[in-house]
């Protein structure tokens, strides 16, 4: 497994609300980090000052919807 800006190839599957979540790119399935965080109940946040994702396994996943939230 490689981190810090490199892709991680994985053959596992993730289900959300009993639906398979897929993001196929060039024959590989990628996962959205927020879906993984929710599945494992861990905290994931964005630090805009350092342009970094922070994964904290000592905290739980917390979803706070925003007004007019549109995820692509």
PDB file of N, CA and C in Angstrom:
ATOM      1  N   UNK A   1       0.851  -1.173   0.000  1.00  0.00           N
ATOM      2  CA  UNK A   1       0.000   0.000   0.000  1.00  0.00           C
ATOM      3  C   UNK A   1       0.897   1.235   0.000  1.00  0.00           C
ATOM      4  N   UNK A   2       0.617   2.165  -0.903  1.00  0.00           N
ATOM      5  CA  UNK A   2       1.382   3.402  -0.953  1.00  0.00           C
ATOM      6  C   UNK A   2       0.467   4.581  -0.673  1.00  0.00           C
ATOM      7  N   UNK A   3       0.967   5.533   0.093  1.00  0.00           N
ATOM      8  CA  UNK A   3       0.187   6.710   0.448  1.00  0.00           C
ATOM      9  C   UNK A   3       0.836   7.957  -0.129  1.00  0.00           C
ATOM     10  N   UNK A   4       0.345   9.100   0.277  1.00  0.00           N
ATOM     11  CA  UNK A   4       0.882  10.398  -0.106  1.00  0.00           C
ATOM     12  C   UNK A   4       0.771  10.655  -1.605  1.00  0.00           C
ATOM     13  N   UNK A   5      -0.462  10.708  -2.090  1.00  0.00           N
ATOM     14  CA  UNK A   5      -0.708  11.111  -3.463  1.00  0.00           C
ATOM     15  C   UNK A   5      -0.656  10.005  -4.487  1.00  0.00           C
ATOM     16  N   UNK A   6      -0.436   8.788  -4.087  1.00  0.00           N
ATOM     17  CA  UNK A   6      -0.409   7.682  -5.043  1.00  0.00           C
ATOM     18  C   UNK A   6      -1.697   6.872  -4.910  1.00  0.00           C
ATOM     19  N   UNK A   7      -2.056   6.229  -5.995  1.00  0.00           N
ATOM     20  CA  UNK A   7      -3.269   5.423  -5.986  1.00  0.00           C
ATOM     21  C   UNK A   7      -3.035   4.151  -5.183  1.00  0.00           C
ATOM     22  N   UNK A   8      -4.113   3.646  -4.599  1.00  0.00           N
ATOM     23  CA  UNK A   8      -4.067   2.369  -3.901  1.00  0.00           C
ATOM     24  C   UNK A   8      -5.027   1.433  -4.624  1.00  0.00           C
ATOM     25  N   UNK A   9      -4.496   0.382  -5.215  1.00  0.00           N
ATOM     26  CA  UNK A   9      -5.314  -0.575  -5.949  1.00  0.00           C
ATOM     27  C   UNK A   9      -5.862  -1.590  -4.964  1.00  0.00           C
ATOM     28  N   UNK A  10      -7.161  -1.870  -5.070  1.00  0.00           N
ATOM     29  CA  UNK A  10      -7.814  -2.746  -4.108  1.00  0.00           C
ATOM     30  C   UNK A  10      -8.870  -3.574  -4.830  1.00  0.00           C
ATOM     31  N   UNK A  11      -8.958  -4.848  -4.484  1.00  0.00           N
ATOM     32  CA  UNK A  11      -9.963  -5.703  -5.113  1.00  0.00           C
ATOM     33  C   UNK A  11     -11.180  -5.906  -4.216  1.00  0.00           C
ATOM     34  N   UNK A  12     -11.246  -5.217  -3.082  1.00  0.00           N
ATOM     35  CA  UNK A  12     -12.366  -5.347  -2.154  1.00  0.00           C
ATOM     36  C   UNK A  12     -13.593  -4.596  -2.660  1.00  0.00           C
ATOM     37  N   UNK A  13     -14.713  -4.842  -2.016  1.00  0.00           N
ATOM     38  CA  UNK A  13     -15.962  -4.159  -2.371  1.00  0.00           C
ATOM     39  C   UNK A  13     -16.508  -3.460  -1.136  1.00  0.00           C
ATOM     40  N   UNK A  14     -17.166  -2.338  -1.362  1.00  0.00           N
ATOM     41  CA  UNK A  14     -17.812  -1.604  -0.267  1.00  0.00           C
ATOM     42  C   UNK A  14     -19.277  -1.445  -0.626  1.00  0.00           C
ATOM     43  N   UNK A  15     -20.130  -1.705   0.353  1.00  0.00           N
ATOM     44  CA  UNK A  15     -21.561  -1.543   0.170  1.00  0.00           C
ATOM     45  C   UNK A  15     -22.054  -0.449   1.100  1.00  0.00           C
ATOM     46  N   UNK A  16     -22.946   0.383   0.587  1.00  0.00           N
ATOM     47  CA  UNK A  16     -23.572   1.430   1.384  1.00  0.00           C
ATOM     48  C   UNK A  16     -25.069   1.335   1.133  1.00  0.00           C
ATOM     49  N   UNK A  17     -25.847   1.191   2.190  1.00  0.00           N
ATOM     50  CA  UNK A  17     -27.293   1.000   2.064  1.00  0.00           C
ATOM     51  C   UNK A  17     -27.606  -0.144   1.106  1.00  0.00           C
ATOM     52  N   UNK A  18     -26.821  -1.226   1.233  1.00  0.00           N
ATOM     53  CA  UNK A  18     -26.978  -2.451   0.450  1.00  0.00           C
ATOM     54  C   UNK A  18     -26.722  -2.261  -1.042  1.00  0.00           C
ATOM     55  N   UNK A  19     -26.087  -1.166  -1.436  1.00  0.00           N
ATOM     56  CA  UNK A  19     -25.716  -0.944  -2.835  1.00  0.00           C
ATOM     57  C   UNK A  19     -24.206  -0.923  -2.953  1.00  0.00           C
ATOM     58  N   UNK A  20     -23.692  -1.603  -3.980  1.00  0.00           N
ATOM     59  CA  UNK A  20     -22.261  -1.624  -4.223  1.00  0.00           C
ATOM     60  C   UNK A  20     -21.801  -0.249  -4.681  1.00  0.00           C
ATOM     61  N   UNK A  21     -20.780   0.270  -4.020  1.00  0.00           N
ATOM     62  CA  UNK A  21     -20.205   1.562  -4.392  1.00  0.00           C
ATOM     63  C   UNK A  21     -19.023   1.284  -5.311  1.00  0.00           C
ATOM     64  N   UNK A  22     -19.063   1.810  -6.513  1.00  0.00           N
ATOM     65  CA  UNK A  22     -17.967   1.589  -7.446  1.00  0.00           C
ATOM     66  C   UNK A  22     -17.508   2.899  -8.056  1.00  0.00           C
ATOM     67  N   UNK A  23     -16.231   2.968  -8.308  1.00  0.00           N
ATOM     68  CA  UNK A  23     -15.634   4.081  -9.016  1.00  0.00           C
ATOM     69  C   UNK A  23     -14.535   3.477  -9.886  1.00  0.00           C
ATOM     70  N   UNK A  24     -14.929   2.788 -10.977  1.00  0.00           N
ATOM     71  CA  UNK A  24     -13.938   2.092 -11.790  1.00  0.00           C
ATOM     72  C   UNK A  24     -13.111   3.061 -12.639  1.00  0.00           C
ATOM     73  N   UNK A  25     -11.796   2.894 -12.572  1.00  0.00           N
ATOM     74  CA  UNK A  25     -10.872   3.679 -13.382  1.00  0.00           C
ATOM     75  C   UNK A  25      -9.827   2.720 -13.935  1.00  0.00           C
ATOM     76  N   UNK A  26      -9.766   2.612 -15.251  1.00  0.00           N
ATOM     77  CA  UNK A  26      -8.785   1.741 -15.915  1.00  0.00           C
ATOM     78  C   UNK A  26      -8.794   0.318 -15.355  1.00  0.00           C
ATOM     79  N   UNK A  27      -9.977  -0.224 -15.116  1.00  0.00           N
ATOM     80  CA  UNK A  27     -10.101  -1.601 -14.654  1.00  0.00           C
ATOM     81  C   UNK A  27      -9.897  -1.809 -13.161  1.00  0.00           C
ATOM     82  N   UNK A  28      -9.633  -0.749 -12.417  1.00  0.00           N
ATOM     83  CA  UNK A  28      -9.472  -0.842 -10.964  1.00  0.00           C
ATOM     84  C   UNK A  28     -10.619  -0.117 -10.284  1.00  0.00           C
ATOM     85  N   UNK A  29     -11.000  -0.606  -9.112  1.00  0.00           N
ATOM     86  CA  UNK A  29     -12.081   0.024  -8.363  1.00  0.00           C
ATOM     87  C   UNK A  29     -11.488   0.892  -7.261  1.00  0.00           C
ATOM     88  N   UNK A  30     -11.813   2.180  -7.285  1.00  0.00           N
ATOM     89  CA  UNK A  30     -11.352   3.113  -6.265  1.00  0.00           C
ATOM     90  C   UNK A  30     -12.515   3.441  -5.337  1.00  0.00           C
ATOM     91  N   UNK A  31     -12.206   3.804  -4.108  1.00  0.00           N
ATOM     92  CA  UNK A  31     -13.229   4.139  -3.130  1.00  0.00           C
ATOM     93  C   UNK A  31     -13.107   5.594  -2.731  1.00  0.00           C
ATOM     94  N   UNK A  32     -14.241   6.205  -2.442  1.00  0.00           N
ATOM     95  CA  UNK A  32     -14.221   7.553  -1.886  1.00  0.00           C
ATOM     96  C   UNK A  32     -13.815   7.434  -0.422  1.00  0.00           C
ATOM     97  N   UNK A  33     -12.898   8.254  -0.016  1.00  0.00           N
ATOM     98  CA  UNK A  33     -12.386   8.178   1.351  1.00  0.00           C
ATOM     99  C   UNK A  33     -13.487   8.373   2.383  1.00  0.00           C
ATOM    100  N   UNK A  34     -14.454   9.242   2.101  1.00  0.00           N
ATOM    101  CA  UNK A  34     -15.523   9.457   3.082  1.00  0.00           C
ATOM    102  C   UNK A  34     -16.390   8.206   3.231  1.00  0.00           C
ATOM    103  N   UNK A  35     -16.548   7.404   2.157  1.00  0.00           N
ATOM    104  CA  UNK A  35     -17.302   6.154   2.266  1.00  0.00           C
ATOM    105  C   UNK A  35     -16.544   5.134   3.112  1.00  0.00           C
ATOM    106  N   UNK A  36     -15.222   5.060   2.936  1.00  0.00           N
ATOM    107  CA  UNK A  36     -14.419   4.161   3.769  1.00  0.00           C
ATOM    108  C   UNK A  36     -14.457   4.590   5.228  1.00  0.00           C
ATOM    109  N   UNK A  37     -14.346   5.889   5.462  1.00  0.00           N
ATOM    110  CA  UNK A  37     -14.388   6.401   6.835  1.00  0.00           C
ATOM    111  C   UNK A  37     -15.712   6.058   7.498  1.00  0.00           C
ATOM    112  N   UNK A  38     -16.799   6.200   6.751  1.00  0.00           N
ATOM    113  CA  UNK A  38     -18.112   5.869   7.306  1.00  0.00           C
ATOM    114  C   UNK A  38     -18.216   4.371   7.579  1.00  0.00           C
ATOM    115  N   UNK A  39     -17.721   3.544   6.658  1.00  0.00           N
ATOM    116  CA  UNK A  39     -17.804   2.091   6.825  1.00  0.00           C
ATOM    117  C   UNK A  39     -17.018   1.615   8.048  1.00  0.00           C
ATOM    118  N   UNK A  40     -15.874   2.245   8.309  1.00  0.00           N
ATOM    119  CA  UNK A  40     -15.035   1.849   9.441  1.00  0.00           C
ATOM    120  C   UNK A  40     -15.236   2.727  10.672  1.00  0.00           C
ATOM    121  N   UNK A  41     -16.152   3.690  10.567  1.00  0.00           N
ATOM    122  CA  UNK A  41     -16.482   4.603  11.662  1.00  0.00           C
ATOM    123  C   UNK A  41     -15.240   5.309  12.219  1.00  0.00           C
ATOM    124  N   UNK A  42     -14.468   5.916  11.300  1.00  0.00           N
ATOM    125  CA  UNK A  42     -13.289   6.690  11.688  1.00  0.00           C
ATOM    126  C   UNK A  42     -13.414   8.106  11.137  1.00  0.00           C
ATOM    127  N   UNK A  43     -12.726   9.023  11.765  1.00  0.00           N
ATOM    128  CA  UNK A  43     -12.792  10.434  11.386  1.00  0.00           C
ATOM    129  C   UNK A  43     -11.898  10.718  10.179  1.00  0.00           C
ATOM    130  N   UNK A  44     -12.436  11.473   9.240  1.00  0.00           N
ATOM    131  CA  UNK A  44     -11.642  11.959   8.115  1.00  0.00           C
ATOM    132  C   UNK A  44     -12.004  13.426   7.913  1.00  0.00           C
ATOM    133  N   UNK A  45     -10.999  14.280   7.888  1.00  0.00           N
ATOM    134  CA  UNK A  45     -11.220  15.717   7.716  1.00  0.00           C
ATOM    135  C   UNK A  45     -10.227  16.271   6.707  1.00  0.00           C
ATOM    136  N   UNK A  46     -10.517  17.462   6.221  1.00  0.00           N
ATOM    137  CA  UNK A  46      -9.665  18.149   5.256  1.00  0.00           C
ATOM    138  C   UNK A  46      -9.031  19.355   5.928  1.00  0.00           C
ATOM    139  N   UNK A  47      -7.716  19.488   5.779  1.00  0.00           N
ATOM    140  CA  UNK A  47      -6.991  20.652   6.276  1.00  0.00           C
ATOM    141  C   UNK A  47      -6.616  21.501   5.070  1.00  0.00           C
ATOM    142  N   UNK A  48      -7.381  22.564   4.855  1.00  0.00           N
ATOM    143  CA  UNK A  48      -7.156  23.432   3.710  1.00  0.00           C
ATOM    144  C   UNK A  48      -5.845  24.191   3.769  1.00  0.00           C
ATOM    145  N   UNK A  49      -5.314  24.413   4.962  1.00  0.00           N
ATOM    146  CA  UNK A  49      -4.042  25.133   5.094  1.00  0.00           C
ATOM    147  C   UNK A  49      -2.872  24.334   4.539  1.00  0.00           C
ATOM    148  N   UNK A  50      -2.916  23.017   4.725  1.00  0.00           N
ATOM    149  CA  UNK A  50      -1.825  22.163   4.254  1.00  0.00           C
ATOM    150  C   UNK A  50      -2.232  21.303   3.062  1.00  0.00           C
ATOM    151  N   UNK A  51      -3.491  21.475   2.596  1.00  0.00           N
ATOM    152  CA  UNK A  51      -4.029  20.642   1.509  1.00  0.00           C
ATOM    153  C   UNK A  51      -3.832  19.159   1.815  1.00  0.00           C
ATOM    154  N   UNK A  52      -4.228  18.764   3.019  1.00  0.00           N
ATOM    155  CA  UNK A  52      -4.028  17.395   3.481  1.00  0.00           C
ATOM    156  C   UNK A  52      -5.316  16.797   4.017  1.00  0.00           C
ATOM    157  N   UNK A  53      -5.434  15.498   3.856  1.00  0.00           N
ATOM    158  CA  UNK A  53      -6.516  14.734   4.469  1.00  0.00           C
ATOM    159  C   UNK A  53      -5.993  14.196   5.791  1.00  0.00           C
ATOM    160  N   UNK A  54      -6.800  14.311   6.839  1.00  0.00           N
ATOM    161  CA  UNK A  54      -6.406  13.819   8.157  1.00  0.00           C
ATOM    162  C   UNK A  54      -7.332  12.665   8.528  1.00  0.00           C
ATOM    163  N   UNK A  55      -6.747  11.496   8.746  1.00  0.00           N
ATOM    164  CA  UNK A  55      -7.492  10.313   9.171  1.00  0.00           C
ATOM    165  C   UNK A  55      -7.142  10.068  10.628  1.00  0.00           C
ATOM    166  N   UNK A  56      -8.155  10.074  11.484  1.00  0.00           N
ATOM    167  CA  UNK A  56      -7.936   9.902  12.921  1.00  0.00           C
ATOM    168  C   UNK A  56      -8.788   8.734  13.404  1.00  0.00           C
ATOM    169  N   UNK A  57      -8.145   7.598  13.644  1.00  0.00           N
ATOM    170  CA  UNK A  57      -8.880   6.397  14.056  1.00  0.00           C
ATOM    171  C   UNK A  57      -9.333   6.457  15.510  1.00  0.00           C
ATOM    172  N   UNK A  58      -8.887   7.463  16.260  1.00  0.00           N
ATOM    173  CA  UNK A  58      -9.337   7.591  17.649  1.00  0.00           C
ATOM    174  C   UNK A  58     -10.656   8.361  17.748  1.00  0.00           C
ATOM    175  N   UNK A  59     -11.109   8.921  16.610  1.00  0.00           N
ATOM    176  CA  UNK A  59     -12.381   9.650  16.583  1.00  0.00           C
ATOM    177  C   UNK A  59     -13.350   8.924  15.658  1.00  0.00           C
ATOM    178  N   UNK A  60     -14.650   9.126  15.886  1.00  0.00           N
ATOM    179  CA  UNK A  60     -15.665   8.457  15.073  1.00  0.00           C
ATOM    180  C   UNK A  60     -16.055   9.316  13.878  1.00  0.00           C
ATOM    181  N   UNK A  61     -16.625   8.656  12.875  1.00  0.00           N
ATOM    182  CA  UNK A  61     -17.108   9.339  11.683  1.00  0.00           C
ATOM    183  C   UNK A  61     -18.303  10.201  12.055  1.00  0.00           C
ATOM    184  N   UNK A  62     -18.311  11.430  11.593  1.00  0.00           N
ATOM    185  CA  UNK A  62     -19.416  12.340  11.869  1.00  0.00           C
ATOM    186  C   UNK A  62     -19.793  13.043  10.577  1.00  0.00           C
ATOM    187  N   UNK A  63     -21.041  12.872  10.164  1.00  0.00           N
ATOM    188  CA  UNK A  63     -21.529  13.501   8.937  1.00  0.00           C
ATOM    189  C   UNK A  63     -22.390  14.697   9.307  1.00  0.00           C
ATOM    190  N   UNK A  64     -21.999  15.850   8.820  1.00  0.00           N
ATOM    191  CA  UNK A  64     -22.770  17.068   9.049  1.00  0.00           C
ATOM    192  C   UNK A  64     -23.157  17.620   7.683  1.00  0.00           C
ATOM    193  N   UNK A  65     -24.427  17.486   7.285  1.00  0.00           N
ATOM    194  CA  UNK A  65     -24.836  17.974   5.965  1.00  0.00           C
ATOM    195  C   UNK A  65     -24.743  19.494   5.881  1.00  0.00           C
ATOM    196  N   UNK A  66     -24.355  19.966   4.722  1.00  0.00           N
ATOM    197  CA  UNK A  66     -24.267  21.398   4.464  1.00  0.00           C
ATOM    198  C   UNK A  66     -25.473  21.844   3.663  1.00  0.00           C
ATOM    199  N   UNK A  67     -25.821  23.112   3.745  1.00  0.00           N
ATOM    200  CA  UNK A  67     -26.911  23.629   2.922  1.00  0.00           C
ATOM    201  C   UNK A  67     -26.516  23.519   1.457  1.00  0.00           C
ATOM    202  N   UNK A  68     -27.478  23.134   0.622  1.00  0.00           N
ATOM    203  CA  UNK A  68     -27.252  23.007  -0.821  1.00  0.00           C
ATOM    204  C   UNK A  68     -26.057  22.118  -1.130  1.00  0.00           C
ATOM    205  N   UNK A  69     -25.929  21.031  -0.386  1.00  0.00           N
ATOM    206  CA  UNK A  69     -24.806  20.121  -0.578  1.00  0.00           C
ATOM    207  C   UNK A  69     -24.983  19.336  -1.871  1.00  0.00           C
ATOM    208  N   UNK A  70     -24.019  19.423  -2.751  1.00  0.00           N
ATOM    209  CA  UNK A  70     -24.023  18.671  -4.005  1.00  0.00           C
ATOM    210  C   UNK A  70     -22.674  17.998  -4.174  1.00  0.00           C
ATOM    211  N   UNK A  71     -22.636  16.685  -3.978  1.00  0.00           N
ATOM    212  CA  UNK A  71     -21.399  15.932  -4.159  1.00  0.00           C
ATOM    213  C   UNK A  71     -21.354  15.375  -5.558  1.00  0.00           C
ATOM    214  N   UNK A  72     -20.208  15.393  -6.149  1.00  0.00           N
ATOM    215  CA  UNK A  72     -20.022  14.848  -7.499  1.00  0.00           C
ATOM    216  C   UNK A  72     -19.376  13.499  -7.380  1.00  0.00           C
TER     217      UNK A  72
END
